[in-house]
Amino acid sequence: MSAIRLLVLGDVRLRGRAHGYQVRNDLEFWGAHEWSTAKPGSIYHALKQLAKQGSLLAHDTAPSTAGGPPRTEYEITEAGGAEFFRLLRHALTATQEKQELLTAAIGFLVDLPRDEAVELLRQRVAALEGWRQEVTRNWAPDNSVPQEWGHIGEIMKLWVHTADSDAAWARELIARLEAGAFVMAGEGERDLSVLSDGRPG
């Protein structure tokens, strides 16, 4: 599953209405071009595809007074909103996806009610614990890798380390959320300083 759909839908939803250049600026402002596949071409392609699929509604705007071409502005549809939250919930609970998907989801974590965000992260922890048990099922009682596995055992060590660190991070975030960190959905106004120009479209 690609992070670009979540990023584009989330950004257009946050702005209310946005053209491709604004979306591109926001994603670059978030550094998404460094940690995901959100490059200019893929951003514009995603906007067009999401509009074609009914997740975004495209509006043609008048040409600029400077004589530039008309821009297409996008706004999220009801189906697009449902898709955004489906992707967000999946990203927070899925443990076998690329890291960029989780990274994108954290950027929109505050769009969820606090209780739901906590519950999704608890599901993530449970999935990681289950995966860790599966990986270590055939190990020695002290969880040491059998010597005959040689360097292949390092793969198992990496998987366990990854599961443990991911679960520790999720538990810490759960604790912060339960202690009242961040303004979550339904608790107040969304912080728009995360946009490249600090304001909605």
Protein backbone atom coordinates (compact mmCIF):
# COMPACT_ATOMS: atom_id res chain seq x y z
CA MET A 1 0.00 0.00 0.00
CA SER A 2 1.40 3.39 -1.01
CA ALA A 3 1.76 6.33 1.35
CA ILE A 4 1.16 8.82 -1.45
CA ARG A 5 -2.62 8.27 -1.44
CA LEU A 6 -2.81 8.86 2.31
CA LEU A 7 -0.61 11.96 2.08
CA VAL A 8 -2.52 13.54 -0.79
CA LEU A 9 -5.97 12.78 0.60
CA GLY A 10 -4.96 13.96 4.06
CA ASP A 11 -3.48 17.20 2.78
CA VAL A 12 -6.45 18.09 0.55
CA ARG A 13 -8.80 17.24 3.43
CA LEU A 14 -6.82 19.50 5.77
CA ARG A 15 -6.84 22.40 3.34
CA GLY A 16 -10.47 21.98 2.31
CA ARG A 17 -9.60 22.83 -1.26
CA ALA A 18 -6.14 22.83 -2.81
CA HIS A 19 -4.35 22.86 -6.13
CA GLY A 20 -1.47 20.58 -6.97
CA TYR A 21 1.23 23.13 -6.26
CA GLN A 22 -0.06 23.63 -2.71
CA VAL A 23 -0.14 19.88 -2.10
CA ARG A 24 3.38 19.52 -3.47
CA ASN A 25 4.63 22.38 -1.25
CA ASP A 26 3.02 20.87 1.84
CA LEU A 27 4.48 17.42 1.23
CA GLU A 28 7.93 18.93 0.63
CA PHE A 29 7.48 21.04 3.79
CA TRP A 30 6.92 17.77 5.66
CA GLY A 31 10.03 16.25 4.04
CA ALA A 32 7.91 13.56 2.38
CA HIS A 33 10.07 13.73 -0.76
CA GLU A 34 12.93 12.41 1.41
CA TRP A 35 11.17 9.57 3.26
CA SER A 36 8.50 8.49 0.75
CA THR A 37 7.75 8.18 -2.96
CA ALA A 38 6.04 11.60 -2.88
CA LYS A 39 7.92 13.21 -5.75
CA PRO A 40 6.33 15.97 -7.90
CA GLY A 41 5.28 13.62 -10.70
CA SER A 42 3.73 11.09 -8.34
CA ILE A 43 1.85 13.81 -6.44
CA TYR A 44 0.16 15.17 -9.58
CA HIS A 45 -0.50 11.65 -10.82
CA ALA A 46 -2.12 10.74 -7.48
CA LEU A 47 -4.33 13.84 -7.58
CA LYS A 48 -5.59 12.95 -11.06
CA GLN A 49 -6.11 9.28 -10.19
CA LEU A 50 -7.93 10.05 -6.96
CA ALA A 51 -10.20 12.45 -8.86
CA LYS A 52 -10.82 9.81 -11.52
CA GLN A 53 -11.73 7.30 -8.80
CA GLY A 54 -14.14 9.71 -7.11
CA SER A 55 -12.10 10.36 -3.97
CA LEU A 56 -11.39 13.95 -5.02
CA LEU A 57 -13.53 16.46 -6.87
CA ALA A 58 -11.64 18.55 -9.45
CA HIS A 59 -12.55 22.20 -10.05
CA ASP A 60 -11.11 24.17 -12.96
CA THR A 61 -10.28 27.71 -11.86
CA ALA A 62 -9.95 30.85 -13.94
CA PRO A 63 -6.55 31.70 -15.44
CA SER A 64 -4.37 33.94 -13.29
CA THR A 65 -4.31 37.69 -13.99
CA ALA A 66 -0.63 37.29 -14.86
CA GLY A 67 -1.65 35.19 -17.83
CA GLY A 68 -0.77 31.77 -16.47
CA PRO A 69 -2.79 28.66 -17.27
CA PRO A 70 -5.86 27.81 -15.18
CA ARG A 71 -5.20 25.60 -12.19
CA THR A 72 -7.20 22.62 -11.10
CA GLU A 73 -8.24 22.74 -7.47
CA TYR A 74 -9.27 19.61 -5.62
CA GLU A 75 -11.52 18.94 -2.67
CA ILE A 76 -12.14 15.66 -0.94
CA THR A 77 -15.42 13.83 -1.51
CA GLU A 78 -17.37 11.75 0.99
CA ALA A 79 -15.85 8.63 -0.59
CA GLY A 80 -12.41 10.24 -0.36
CA GLY A 81 -12.90 10.96 3.32
CA ALA A 82 -13.85 7.33 3.93
CA GLU A 83 -10.79 6.19 1.97
CA PHE A 84 -8.54 8.55 3.95
CA PHE A 85 -9.69 7.11 7.27
CA ARG A 86 -9.48 3.54 5.94
CA LEU A 87 -5.86 4.12 4.91
CA LEU A 88 -5.05 5.89 8.19
CA ARG A 89 -6.47 3.10 10.36
CA HIS A 90 -4.73 0.44 8.28
CA ALA A 91 -1.39 2.25 8.46
CA LEU A 92 -1.50 2.53 12.25
CA THR A 93 -2.22 -1.17 12.78
CA ALA A 94 -0.35 -2.89 9.91
CA THR A 95 3.09 -4.14 10.90
CA GLN A 96 4.25 -5.54 7.55
CA GLU A 97 3.93 -2.37 5.48
CA LYS A 98 6.74 -0.02 4.43
CA GLN A 99 7.85 2.47 7.07
CA GLU A 100 6.72 5.41 4.92
CA LEU A 101 3.09 4.41 5.38
CA LEU A 102 3.31 4.57 9.17
CA THR A 103 5.27 7.82 8.94
CA ALA A 104 2.50 9.35 6.81
CA ALA A 105 -0.14 8.09 9.24
CA ILE A 106 1.55 9.72 12.23
CA GLY A 107 1.25 13.03 10.40
CA PHE A 108 -2.53 12.63 10.47
CA LEU A 109 -2.86 10.91 13.86
CA VAL A 110 -4.61 13.96 15.34
CA ASP A 111 -7.44 13.59 12.81
CA LEU A 112 -8.67 10.65 14.89
CA PRO A 113 -10.52 10.80 18.22
CA ARG A 114 -8.14 10.16 21.11
CA ASP A 115 -9.75 6.87 22.19
CA GLU A 116 -9.67 5.47 18.68
CA ALA A 117 -6.03 6.41 18.15
CA VAL A 118 -5.09 4.70 21.40
CA GLU A 119 -7.06 1.57 20.47
CA LEU A 120 -5.44 1.36 17.01
CA LEU A 121 -1.98 1.67 18.54
CA ARG A 122 -2.84 -1.05 21.06
CA GLN A 123 -3.78 -3.27 18.13
CA ARG A 124 -0.39 -2.48 16.62
CA VAL A 125 1.39 -3.52 19.81
CA ALA A 126 -0.61 -6.78 19.98
CA ALA A 127 0.24 -7.58 16.35
CA LEU A 128 3.93 -6.90 16.96
CA GLU A 129 3.94 -9.10 20.05
CA GLY A 130 2.27 -11.89 18.08
CA TRP A 131 4.78 -11.56 15.26
CA ARG A 132 7.67 -11.65 17.74
CA GLN A 133 6.33 -14.88 19.25
CA GLU A 134 6.03 -16.38 15.78
CA VAL A 135 9.63 -15.47 14.92
CA THR A 136 11.03 -16.87 18.17
CA ARG A 137 8.84 -19.99 18.31
CA ASN A 138 11.67 -22.34 17.24
CA TRP A 139 14.45 -20.67 19.16
CA ALA A 140 16.13 -21.95 22.32
CA PRO A 141 14.42 -21.12 25.65
CA ASP A 142 16.74 -18.15 26.18
CA ASN A 143 15.86 -16.80 22.70
CA SER A 144 19.39 -17.31 21.45
CA VAL A 145 19.69 -18.15 17.75
CA PRO A 146 20.81 -21.76 17.11
CA GLN A 147 24.48 -21.78 16.09
CA GLU A 148 23.81 -23.87 12.99
CA TRP A 149 21.75 -21.03 11.52
CA GLY A 150 24.96 -19.05 11.02
CA HIS A 151 24.55 -15.56 9.66
CA ILE A 152 20.88 -16.25 8.78
CA GLY A 153 20.21 -15.96 12.49
CA GLU A 154 21.00 -12.26 12.22
CA ILE A 155 17.79 -11.88 10.22
CA MET A 156 15.81 -13.24 13.16
CA LYS A 157 17.64 -10.91 15.53
CA LEU A 158 16.82 -7.96 13.29
CA TRP A 159 13.13 -8.91 13.16
CA VAL A 160 12.93 -9.25 16.94
CA HIS A 161 14.77 -5.98 17.48
CA THR A 162 12.44 -4.23 15.02
CA ALA A 163 9.33 -5.67 16.69
CA ASP A 164 10.57 -4.71 20.16
CA SER A 165 11.53 -1.15 19.19
CA ASP A 166 8.31 -0.56 17.23
CA ALA A 167 6.21 -1.84 20.14
CA ALA A 168 8.16 0.28 22.65
CA TRP A 169 7.59 3.38 20.52
CA ALA A 170 3.85 2.62 20.21
CA ARG A 171 3.51 2.08 23.98
CA GLU A 172 5.21 5.41 24.66
CA LEU A 173 2.90 7.18 22.22
CA ILE A 174 -0.12 5.53 23.83
CA ALA A 175 1.05 6.81 27.21
CA ARG A 176 1.47 10.33 25.85
CA LEU A 177 -1.98 10.26 24.28
CA GLU A 178 -3.55 8.96 27.48
CA ALA A 179 -1.81 11.78 29.36
CA GLY A 180 -3.48 14.33 27.06
CA ALA A 181 -0.80 15.05 24.46
CA PHE A 182 -1.91 16.83 21.26
CA VAL A 183 -5.28 18.23 20.29
CA MET A 184 -7.17 15.31 18.77
CA ALA A 185 -10.31 15.24 16.61
CA GLY A 186 -13.30 16.67 18.43
CA GLU A 187 -11.15 18.46 21.00
CA GLY A 188 -10.51 21.77 19.27
CA GLU A 189 -9.25 23.42 16.12
CA ARG A 190 -6.78 21.56 13.90
CA ASP A 191 -3.29 23.10 13.97
CA LEU A 192 -2.73 24.58 10.50
CA SER A 193 0.89 25.58 11.15
CA VAL A 194 1.75 22.19 9.64
CA LEU A 195 0.84 23.60 6.19
CA SER A 196 3.59 25.15 4.12
CA ASP A 197 1.94 28.58 4.24
CA GLY A 198 0.25 28.11 7.62
CA ARG A 199 -3.28 28.38 6.29
CA PRO A 200 -5.89 26.27 4.49
CA GLY A 201 -6.42 26.52 0.74
